[in-house]
Amino acid sequence: MYVLILLLALFIGCSKQAEKANSPDLQEIKMQLEEEKPFVKETSFHTRQFKPTLNGQWIGFAVSYGCYRKGQAPGVKGPNEEQILEDLKIISKYWRLIRIYGSDDDGERILKVISEHHLPIKVMLGLWLANEDENQEAKKSNIRQTLLAIKLANAYKDIVIAVNVGNETQVFWSWHRMNTDDLIRYIRAVRQNVSVPVTTADDYNFWNKPESQRVAEEVDFIVTHMHPLWNGIHVDRAISWMNSVYNSLKTLHPQKLIVLGETGWATNYNPAKKGPGQQGSLIKGEVSFEAQEKFLTALYNWVNQNKVVTYLFEAFDEPWKGGGEQSGPNEVEKNWGVFFENRSPKPSFSGFLKKYNLNNK
């Protein structure tokens, strides 16, 4: 018996040593990023397959989860574990796959709650990147997010099924557009130090340009955003427009899986905000609960018919967006959720659930 115990102890010790030896050296990665040393692309790029399943079931009808409630905002104040647990219990009734946007204290807390409460949820983990041209604080933040994303993806291998490096950093209208070389450096840093598929998310208006090929060659699959509402499309044409855009991207990137990282329909907006890039000028379709329900119904049918992994934008309204809580409740960025900020379902979502008898999913 003593010999068996000794052998078991040796085996566990060796396993821990091997795990430690195989774990990435975050300090070394940090120094390489700080000094802007290149991460060399592997000579033979083997695509890692992104296949979102749970217990053998496809879970590709997914949702984006922004966790911030009234009085909370990224980098200011985040939700506590009790609030996150409340959110995730609501989400898990309808979705098994979520997308989060940052690798920070709040992102880590979300993964911790999923793990400790054994929730049936998989995660596409995001890390937020900002333009770091002559901006040392942005660079420091980018490095912090990158290192934590690597750490979390390795610590929660049973939950994190992909890492998304950067969000809308390349499209021409992005307010935090960054140098493509910088983006690629962060993509390589992550991909070389995690085992899951790695991607970056951007608007279709980047992925449909020739310059996107260079970035596409660095990722395992493409995450694209398609918002018919922002593109002046009426709800009755929303899905046909999305289908056309999706197929055009498949033609441009035939070797890559195309995932819809964001699409949705807001329930309120400010039509008085006119001018280039403003909601009052760009939005032409009806913005209402009725329109959101129509969109949810059509989207649900399209996703299930085509089996395209799609993240609905988004689960809950977020008051911090669109200029903060002082900017008024009708800012469009605050109103994309299918649940109100108080976590009660919108009439549009209740109607959609009733139509498909999904309340007891």
Protein backbone atom coordinates (compact mmCIF):
# COMPACT_ATOMS: atom_id res chain seq x y z
CA MET A 1 0.00 0.00 0.00
CA TYR A 2 2.85 2.37 0.91
CA VAL A 3 4.50 1.70 -2.45
CA LEU A 4 1.25 2.45 -4.28
CA ILE A 5 0.82 5.73 -2.41
CA LEU A 6 4.43 6.66 -3.18
CA LEU A 7 3.98 5.87 -6.87
CA LEU A 8 0.76 7.87 -6.98
CA ALA A 9 2.47 10.84 -5.35
CA LEU A 10 5.34 10.62 -7.83
CA PHE A 11 2.88 10.43 -10.73
CA ILE A 12 0.96 13.49 -9.52
CA GLY A 13 4.22 15.37 -8.95
CA CYS A 14 5.48 14.52 -12.41
CA SER A 15 2.15 15.51 -13.96
CA LYS A 16 2.27 18.88 -12.22
CA GLN A 17 5.86 19.41 -13.30
CA ALA A 18 4.96 18.54 -16.90
CA GLU A 19 1.96 20.86 -16.80
CA LYS A 20 4.15 23.64 -15.41
CA ALA A 21 6.80 23.00 -18.05
CA ASN A 22 4.19 23.16 -20.82
CA SER A 23 2.48 26.30 -19.52
CA PRO A 24 3.36 29.52 -21.34
CA ASP A 25 5.91 31.86 -19.79
CA LEU A 26 3.77 34.99 -19.41
CA GLN A 27 6.73 37.12 -18.37
CA GLU A 28 8.60 36.20 -21.53
CA ILE A 29 5.54 36.95 -23.67
CA LYS A 30 5.13 40.28 -21.87
CA MET A 31 8.73 41.29 -22.62
CA GLN A 32 8.38 40.28 -26.26
CA LEU A 33 5.23 42.39 -26.64
CA GLU A 34 6.71 45.37 -24.79
CA GLU A 35 9.78 45.34 -27.02
CA GLU A 36 7.61 44.78 -30.11
CA LYS A 37 9.65 41.76 -31.11
CA PRO A 38 7.92 39.74 -33.85
CA PHE A 39 6.09 36.50 -33.21
CA VAL A 40 6.99 34.34 -36.19
CA LYS A 41 4.10 32.63 -37.91
CA GLU A 42 4.33 28.85 -37.93
CA THR A 43 5.63 27.60 -41.28
CA SER A 44 2.78 25.12 -41.67
CA PHE A 45 -0.46 26.70 -40.48
CA HIS A 46 -2.81 23.96 -39.30
CA THR A 47 -6.34 25.30 -38.84
CA ARG A 48 -7.94 24.51 -35.50
CA GLN A 49 -11.59 23.65 -36.03
CA PHE A 50 -14.19 25.76 -34.23
CA LYS A 51 -17.06 23.39 -33.45
CA PRO A 52 -19.36 24.70 -30.73
CA THR A 53 -21.04 21.68 -29.17
CA LEU A 54 -22.11 20.64 -25.69
CA ASN A 55 -22.88 17.02 -24.84
CA GLY A 56 -22.90 16.25 -28.55
CA GLN A 57 -25.42 18.98 -29.37
CA TRP A 58 -24.76 21.95 -31.68
CA ILE A 59 -24.97 25.19 -29.66
CA GLY A 60 -24.36 27.66 -32.48
CA PHE A 61 -27.34 29.92 -31.79
CA ALA A 62 -25.42 31.99 -29.25
CA VAL A 63 -25.56 35.36 -27.51
CA SER A 64 -23.25 38.26 -26.66
CA TYR A 65 -23.05 38.94 -22.94
CA GLY A 66 -22.27 42.41 -21.65
CA CYS A 67 -22.42 42.15 -17.88
CA TYR A 68 -22.71 45.81 -16.90
CA ARG A 69 -25.80 47.06 -15.08
CA LYS A 70 -26.94 50.55 -14.07
CA GLY A 71 -24.05 52.34 -12.39
CA GLN A 72 -21.46 49.93 -13.81
CA ALA A 73 -19.05 50.19 -16.74
CA PRO A 74 -15.84 48.57 -18.00
CA GLY A 75 -12.82 49.72 -16.02
CA VAL A 76 -15.06 51.58 -13.56
CA LYS A 77 -17.16 49.06 -11.68
CA GLY A 78 -18.14 45.54 -12.60
CA PRO A 79 -20.80 43.16 -11.34
CA ASN A 80 -20.21 40.93 -8.34
CA GLU A 81 -20.38 37.14 -8.54
CA GLU A 82 -23.98 37.05 -7.33
CA GLN A 83 -25.08 39.36 -10.15
CA ILE A 84 -23.12 37.38 -12.73
CA LEU A 85 -24.66 34.15 -11.48
CA GLU A 86 -28.13 35.67 -11.84
CA ASP A 87 -27.32 36.68 -15.42
CA LEU A 88 -25.86 33.32 -16.39
CA LYS A 89 -28.78 31.39 -14.94
CA ILE A 90 -31.08 33.49 -17.14
CA ILE A 91 -28.85 33.02 -20.18
CA SER A 92 -28.49 29.26 -19.70
CA LYS A 93 -32.26 28.82 -20.10
CA TYR A 94 -31.96 29.84 -23.76
CA TRP A 95 -28.32 29.68 -24.86
CA ARG A 96 -25.34 27.41 -24.27
CA LEU A 97 -22.70 29.60 -25.90
CA ILE A 98 -21.80 33.17 -25.04
CA ARG A 99 -19.33 35.76 -26.22
CA ILE A 100 -17.59 38.13 -23.82
CA TYR A 101 -15.46 41.03 -25.01
CA GLY A 102 -12.72 41.54 -22.44
CA SER A 103 -10.04 39.62 -20.60
CA ASP A 104 -10.13 41.62 -17.40
CA ASP A 105 -11.32 41.14 -13.82
CA ASP A 106 -14.95 40.95 -14.99
CA GLY A 107 -14.19 38.40 -17.69
CA GLU A 108 -12.26 36.29 -15.22
CA ARG A 109 -15.14 36.49 -12.75
CA ILE A 110 -17.58 35.26 -15.41
CA LEU A 111 -15.45 32.18 -16.11
CA LYS A 112 -15.03 31.54 -12.39
CA VAL A 113 -18.81 31.59 -11.83
CA ILE A 114 -19.44 29.23 -14.77
CA SER A 115 -16.81 26.82 -13.44
CA GLU A 116 -17.78 26.88 -9.76
CA HIS A 117 -21.50 26.48 -10.45
CA HIS A 118 -21.05 23.92 -13.25
CA LEU A 119 -23.21 25.94 -15.61
CA PRO A 120 -23.86 24.44 -19.08
CA ILE A 121 -22.23 27.35 -20.92
CA LYS A 122 -19.24 27.54 -23.28
CA VAL A 123 -17.43 30.82 -23.93
CA MET A 124 -15.74 32.60 -26.79
CA LEU A 125 -13.33 34.68 -24.74
CA GLY A 126 -12.49 38.14 -26.02
CA LEU A 127 -9.61 40.47 -25.37
CA TRP A 128 -10.01 44.17 -26.04
CA LEU A 129 -7.38 45.94 -28.13
CA ALA A 130 -6.98 49.69 -28.55
CA ASN A 131 -4.95 51.81 -30.96
CA GLU A 132 -1.52 52.06 -29.35
CA ASP A 133 0.16 54.48 -31.79
CA GLU A 134 2.10 56.85 -29.52
CA ASN A 135 -0.15 55.71 -26.65
CA GLN A 136 1.73 53.84 -23.96
CA GLU A 137 -1.33 53.39 -21.74
CA ALA A 138 -3.22 51.68 -24.58
CA LYS A 139 -0.21 49.45 -25.20
CA LYS A 140 -0.02 48.49 -21.52
CA SER A 141 -3.73 47.68 -21.53
CA ASN A 142 -3.40 45.61 -24.71
CA ILE A 143 -0.57 43.59 -23.17
CA ARG A 144 -2.49 43.06 -19.90
CA GLN A 145 -5.54 41.81 -21.78
CA THR A 146 -3.43 39.52 -23.97
CA LEU A 147 -1.60 37.92 -21.05
CA LEU A 148 -4.79 37.39 -19.08
CA ALA A 149 -6.55 35.92 -22.13
CA ILE A 150 -3.75 33.37 -22.48
CA LYS A 151 -3.90 32.58 -18.77
CA LEU A 152 -7.70 32.19 -18.74
CA ALA A 153 -7.88 30.12 -21.93
CA ASN A 154 -5.43 27.65 -20.40
CA ALA A 155 -6.98 27.68 -16.93
CA TYR A 156 -10.56 27.12 -18.17
CA LYS A 157 -9.98 24.71 -21.04
CA ASP A 158 -13.33 23.02 -20.42
CA ILE A 159 -15.20 26.32 -20.86
CA VAL A 160 -13.27 28.53 -23.29
CA ILE A 161 -13.67 27.13 -26.81
CA ALA A 162 -12.09 30.02 -28.73
CA VAL A 163 -10.25 33.29 -28.15
CA ASN A 164 -11.22 36.43 -30.04
CA VAL A 165 -8.30 38.88 -30.32
CA GLY A 166 -9.60 42.41 -30.79
CA ASN A 167 -13.00 43.77 -31.77
CA GLU A 168 -13.58 46.02 -34.80
CA THR A 169 -9.96 47.17 -34.91
CA GLN A 170 -9.62 47.27 -38.72
CA VAL A 171 -12.85 48.55 -40.28
CA PHE A 172 -12.54 52.10 -41.64
CA TRP A 173 -15.08 53.67 -39.26
CA SER A 174 -13.69 52.20 -36.02
CA TRP A 175 -12.94 54.74 -33.30
CA HIS A 176 -10.11 52.51 -32.03
CA ARG A 177 -8.74 51.38 -35.39
CA MET A 178 -5.24 49.96 -34.96
CA ASN A 179 -2.25 49.14 -37.11
CA THR A 180 -2.66 45.75 -38.82
CA ASP A 181 0.88 44.73 -37.87
CA ASP A 182 0.04 45.31 -34.21
CA LEU A 183 -3.15 43.24 -34.48
CA ILE A 184 -1.28 40.36 -36.11
CA ARG A 185 1.38 40.45 -33.42
CA TYR A 186 -1.27 40.01 -30.72
CA ILE A 187 -3.06 37.28 -32.68
CA ARG A 188 0.20 35.32 -33.00
CA ALA A 189 1.09 35.87 -29.35
CA VAL A 190 -2.22 34.34 -28.28
CA ARG A 191 -2.37 31.57 -30.85
CA GLN A 192 1.12 30.33 -30.02
CA ASN A 193 0.24 30.03 -26.34
CA VAL A 194 -3.26 28.51 -26.28
CA SER A 195 -4.66 25.30 -27.71
CA VAL A 196 -8.12 26.53 -28.80
CA PRO A 197 -9.00 28.22 -32.12
CA VAL A 198 -8.12 31.91 -32.35
CA THR A 199 -9.87 34.64 -34.33
CA THR A 200 -10.49 38.38 -34.53
CA ALA A 201 -13.88 40.05 -34.92
CA ASP A 202 -14.65 42.85 -37.34
CA ASP A 203 -17.43 44.35 -39.38
CA TYR A 204 -18.25 42.82 -42.76
CA ASN A 205 -17.02 46.08 -44.29
CA PHE A 206 -13.50 45.00 -43.39
CA TRP A 207 -13.78 41.32 -44.29
CA ASN A 208 -15.12 42.21 -47.76
CA LYS A 209 -11.94 44.17 -48.63
CA PRO A 210 -8.78 42.70 -50.23
CA GLU A 211 -6.65 43.84 -47.27
CA SER A 212 -8.58 41.47 -45.00
CA GLN A 213 -6.87 38.49 -46.62
CA ARG A 214 -3.70 39.19 -44.68
CA VAL A 215 -5.54 38.99 -41.36
CA ALA A 216 -7.64 35.99 -42.47
CA GLU A 217 -4.45 34.03 -43.02
CA GLU A 218 -3.59 34.45 -39.33
CA VAL A 219 -6.81 33.13 -37.78
CA ASP A 220 -8.55 29.78 -37.53
CA PHE A 221 -11.97 31.19 -38.43
CA ILE A 222 -13.49 34.57 -39.23
CA VAL A 223 -15.85 36.45 -36.94
CA THR A 224 -17.90 39.08 -38.74
CA HIS A 225 -20.49 41.61 -37.61
CA MET A 226 -23.59 42.25 -39.71
CA HIS A 227 -26.13 44.77 -38.44
CA PRO A 228 -28.91 45.31 -40.97
CA LEU A 229 -30.40 48.06 -38.81
CA TRP A 230 -27.18 50.12 -38.93
CA ASN A 231 -27.01 49.58 -42.69
CA GLY A 232 -30.37 51.19 -43.40
CA ILE A 233 -32.19 47.87 -43.97
CA HIS A 234 -35.84 47.39 -43.03
CA VAL A 235 -36.71 44.39 -40.90
CA ASP A 236 -38.56 42.54 -43.67
CA ARG A 237 -35.35 42.52 -45.74
CA ALA A 238 -32.91 42.00 -42.88
CA ILE A 239 -32.28 38.27 -43.29
CA SER A 240 -32.07 38.30 -47.09
CA TRP A 241 -29.52 41.13 -46.81
CA MET A 242 -27.52 39.20 -44.21
CA ASN A 243 -27.65 36.02 -46.28
CA SER A 244 -26.28 37.89 -49.30
CA VAL A 245 -23.44 39.46 -47.28
CA TYR A 246 -22.63 36.13 -45.63
CA ASN A 247 -22.40 34.33 -48.99
CA SER A 248 -20.21 37.06 -50.44
CA LEU A 249 -17.77 36.64 -47.53
CA LYS A 250 -17.74 32.87 -48.07
CA THR A 251 -16.75 33.52 -51.67
CA LEU A 252 -13.95 35.86 -50.63
CA HIS A 253 -12.68 33.54 -47.88
CA PRO A 254 -13.51 30.02 -49.12
CA GLN A 255 -11.04 28.30 -46.80
CA LYS A 256 -12.41 29.86 -43.61
CA LEU A 257 -15.41 29.17 -41.44
CA ILE A 258 -17.50 32.37 -41.20
CA VAL A 259 -19.10 33.03 -37.82
CA LEU A 260 -21.57 35.86 -37.19
CA GLY A 261 -20.17 37.53 -34.08
CA GLU A 262 -22.86 40.20 -33.85
CA THR A 263 -26.29 40.75 -35.31
CA GLY A 264 -29.43 42.05 -33.68
CA TRP A 265 -32.20 44.62 -33.64
CA ALA A 266 -32.50 47.53 -31.21
CA THR A 267 -35.77 48.51 -29.55
CA ASN A 268 -35.17 52.26 -29.15
CA TYR A 269 -33.03 54.97 -30.75
CA ASN A 270 -32.61 58.71 -31.06
CA PRO A 271 -33.82 59.84 -34.53
CA ALA A 272 -32.76 63.42 -33.76
CA LYS A 273 -29.07 62.49 -33.97
CA LYS A 274 -28.34 63.33 -37.60
CA GLY A 275 -25.13 63.53 -39.56
CA PRO A 276 -22.37 61.16 -40.74
CA GLY A 277 -22.25 58.03 -38.62
CA GLN A 278 -25.25 59.05 -36.54
CA GLN A 279 -28.17 56.78 -35.73
CA GLY A 280 -30.75 59.29 -36.95
CA SER A 281 -29.19 59.26 -40.42
CA LEU A 282 -28.11 55.62 -40.80
CA ILE A 283 -31.13 53.84 -39.34
CA LYS A 284 -34.05 53.59 -41.79
CA GLY A 285 -35.93 50.56 -40.47
CA GLU A 286 -38.56 50.44 -37.76
CA VAL A 287 -37.11 50.43 -34.24
CA SER A 288 -39.58 48.82 -31.86
CA PHE A 289 -40.41 45.69 -29.87
CA GLU A 290 -42.48 44.46 -32.80
CA ALA A 291 -39.56 44.85 -35.20
CA GLN A 292 -37.18 43.08 -32.81
CA GLU A 293 -39.59 40.15 -32.51
CA LYS A 294 -39.83 39.89 -36.31
CA PHE A 295 -36.05 39.92 -36.55
CA LEU A 296 -35.61 37.29 -33.82
CA THR A 297 -38.09 34.99 -35.54
CA ALA A 298 -36.47 35.30 -38.96
CA LEU A 299 -32.95 35.01 -37.55
CA TYR A 300 -33.80 31.89 -35.54
CA ASN A 301 -35.15 30.20 -38.66
CA TRP A 302 -32.12 31.21 -40.77
CA VAL A 303 -29.58 30.03 -38.19
CA ASN A 304 -31.22 26.66 -37.74
CA GLN A 305 -31.71 26.11 -41.47
CA ASN A 306 -28.14 27.05 -42.39
CA LYS A 307 -26.32 26.00 -39.19
CA VAL A 308 -24.29 29.21 -39.14
CA VAL A 309 -22.80 29.94 -35.73
CA THR A 310 -24.42 33.25 -34.77
CA TYR A 311 -24.13 35.45 -31.69
CA LEU A 312 -27.26 37.50 -31.10
CA PHE A 313 -26.41 41.01 -29.99
CA GLU A 314 -27.21 41.03 -27.12
CA ALA A 315 -28.62 39.51 -23.94
CA PHE A 316 -29.17 42.60 -21.74
CA ASP A 317 -29.51 46.34 -22.29
CA GLU A 318 -26.40 48.20 -21.10
CA PRO A 319 -26.93 51.77 -19.78
CA TRP A 320 -23.20 52.66 -19.84
CA LYS A 321 -23.09 52.64 -23.63
CA GLY A 322 -23.88 55.51 -26.00
CA GLY A 323 -22.31 58.23 -23.90
CA GLY A 324 -23.17 56.91 -20.46
CA GLU A 325 -26.30 57.09 -18.36
CA GLN A 326 -26.42 60.89 -18.60
CA SER A 327 -26.97 60.77 -22.37
CA GLY A 328 -30.58 59.63 -22.10
CA PRO A 329 -32.36 56.27 -22.38
CA ASN A 330 -33.09 56.40 -26.12
CA GLU A 331 -29.47 56.13 -27.30
CA VAL A 332 -29.49 53.15 -29.65
CA GLU A 333 -26.38 51.53 -28.13
CA LYS A 334 -28.22 51.10 -24.85
CA ASN A 335 -31.13 49.20 -26.36
CA TRP A 336 -29.94 46.07 -28.19
CA GLY A 337 -30.81 43.60 -25.45
CA VAL A 338 -33.65 41.11 -25.51
CA PHE A 339 -33.83 41.67 -21.76
CA PHE A 340 -34.18 45.07 -20.11
CA GLU A 341 -31.40 46.22 -17.80
CA ASN A 342 -33.48 45.01 -14.83
CA ARG A 343 -33.25 41.49 -16.30
CA SER A 344 -36.93 41.21 -17.21
CA PRO A 345 -37.62 39.98 -20.77
CA LYS A 346 -38.75 42.47 -23.38
CA PRO A 347 -42.18 41.86 -24.95
CA SER A 348 -40.38 41.02 -28.19
CA PHE A 349 -38.42 38.20 -26.59
CA SER A 350 -41.45 36.87 -24.69
CA GLY A 351 -43.41 36.80 -27.95
CA PHE A 352 -40.59 35.04 -29.76
CA LEU A 353 -40.27 32.40 -27.00
CA LYS A 354 -44.01 31.77 -27.01
CA LYS A 355 -44.06 31.37 -30.78
CA TYR A 356 -41.47 28.58 -30.65
CA ASN A 357 -42.42 27.17 -27.24
CA LEU A 358 -38.89 27.85 -25.99
CA ASN A 359 -39.74 28.97 -22.46
CA ASN A 360 -38.82 25.61 -20.98
CA LYS A 361 -35.69 24.95 -23.04
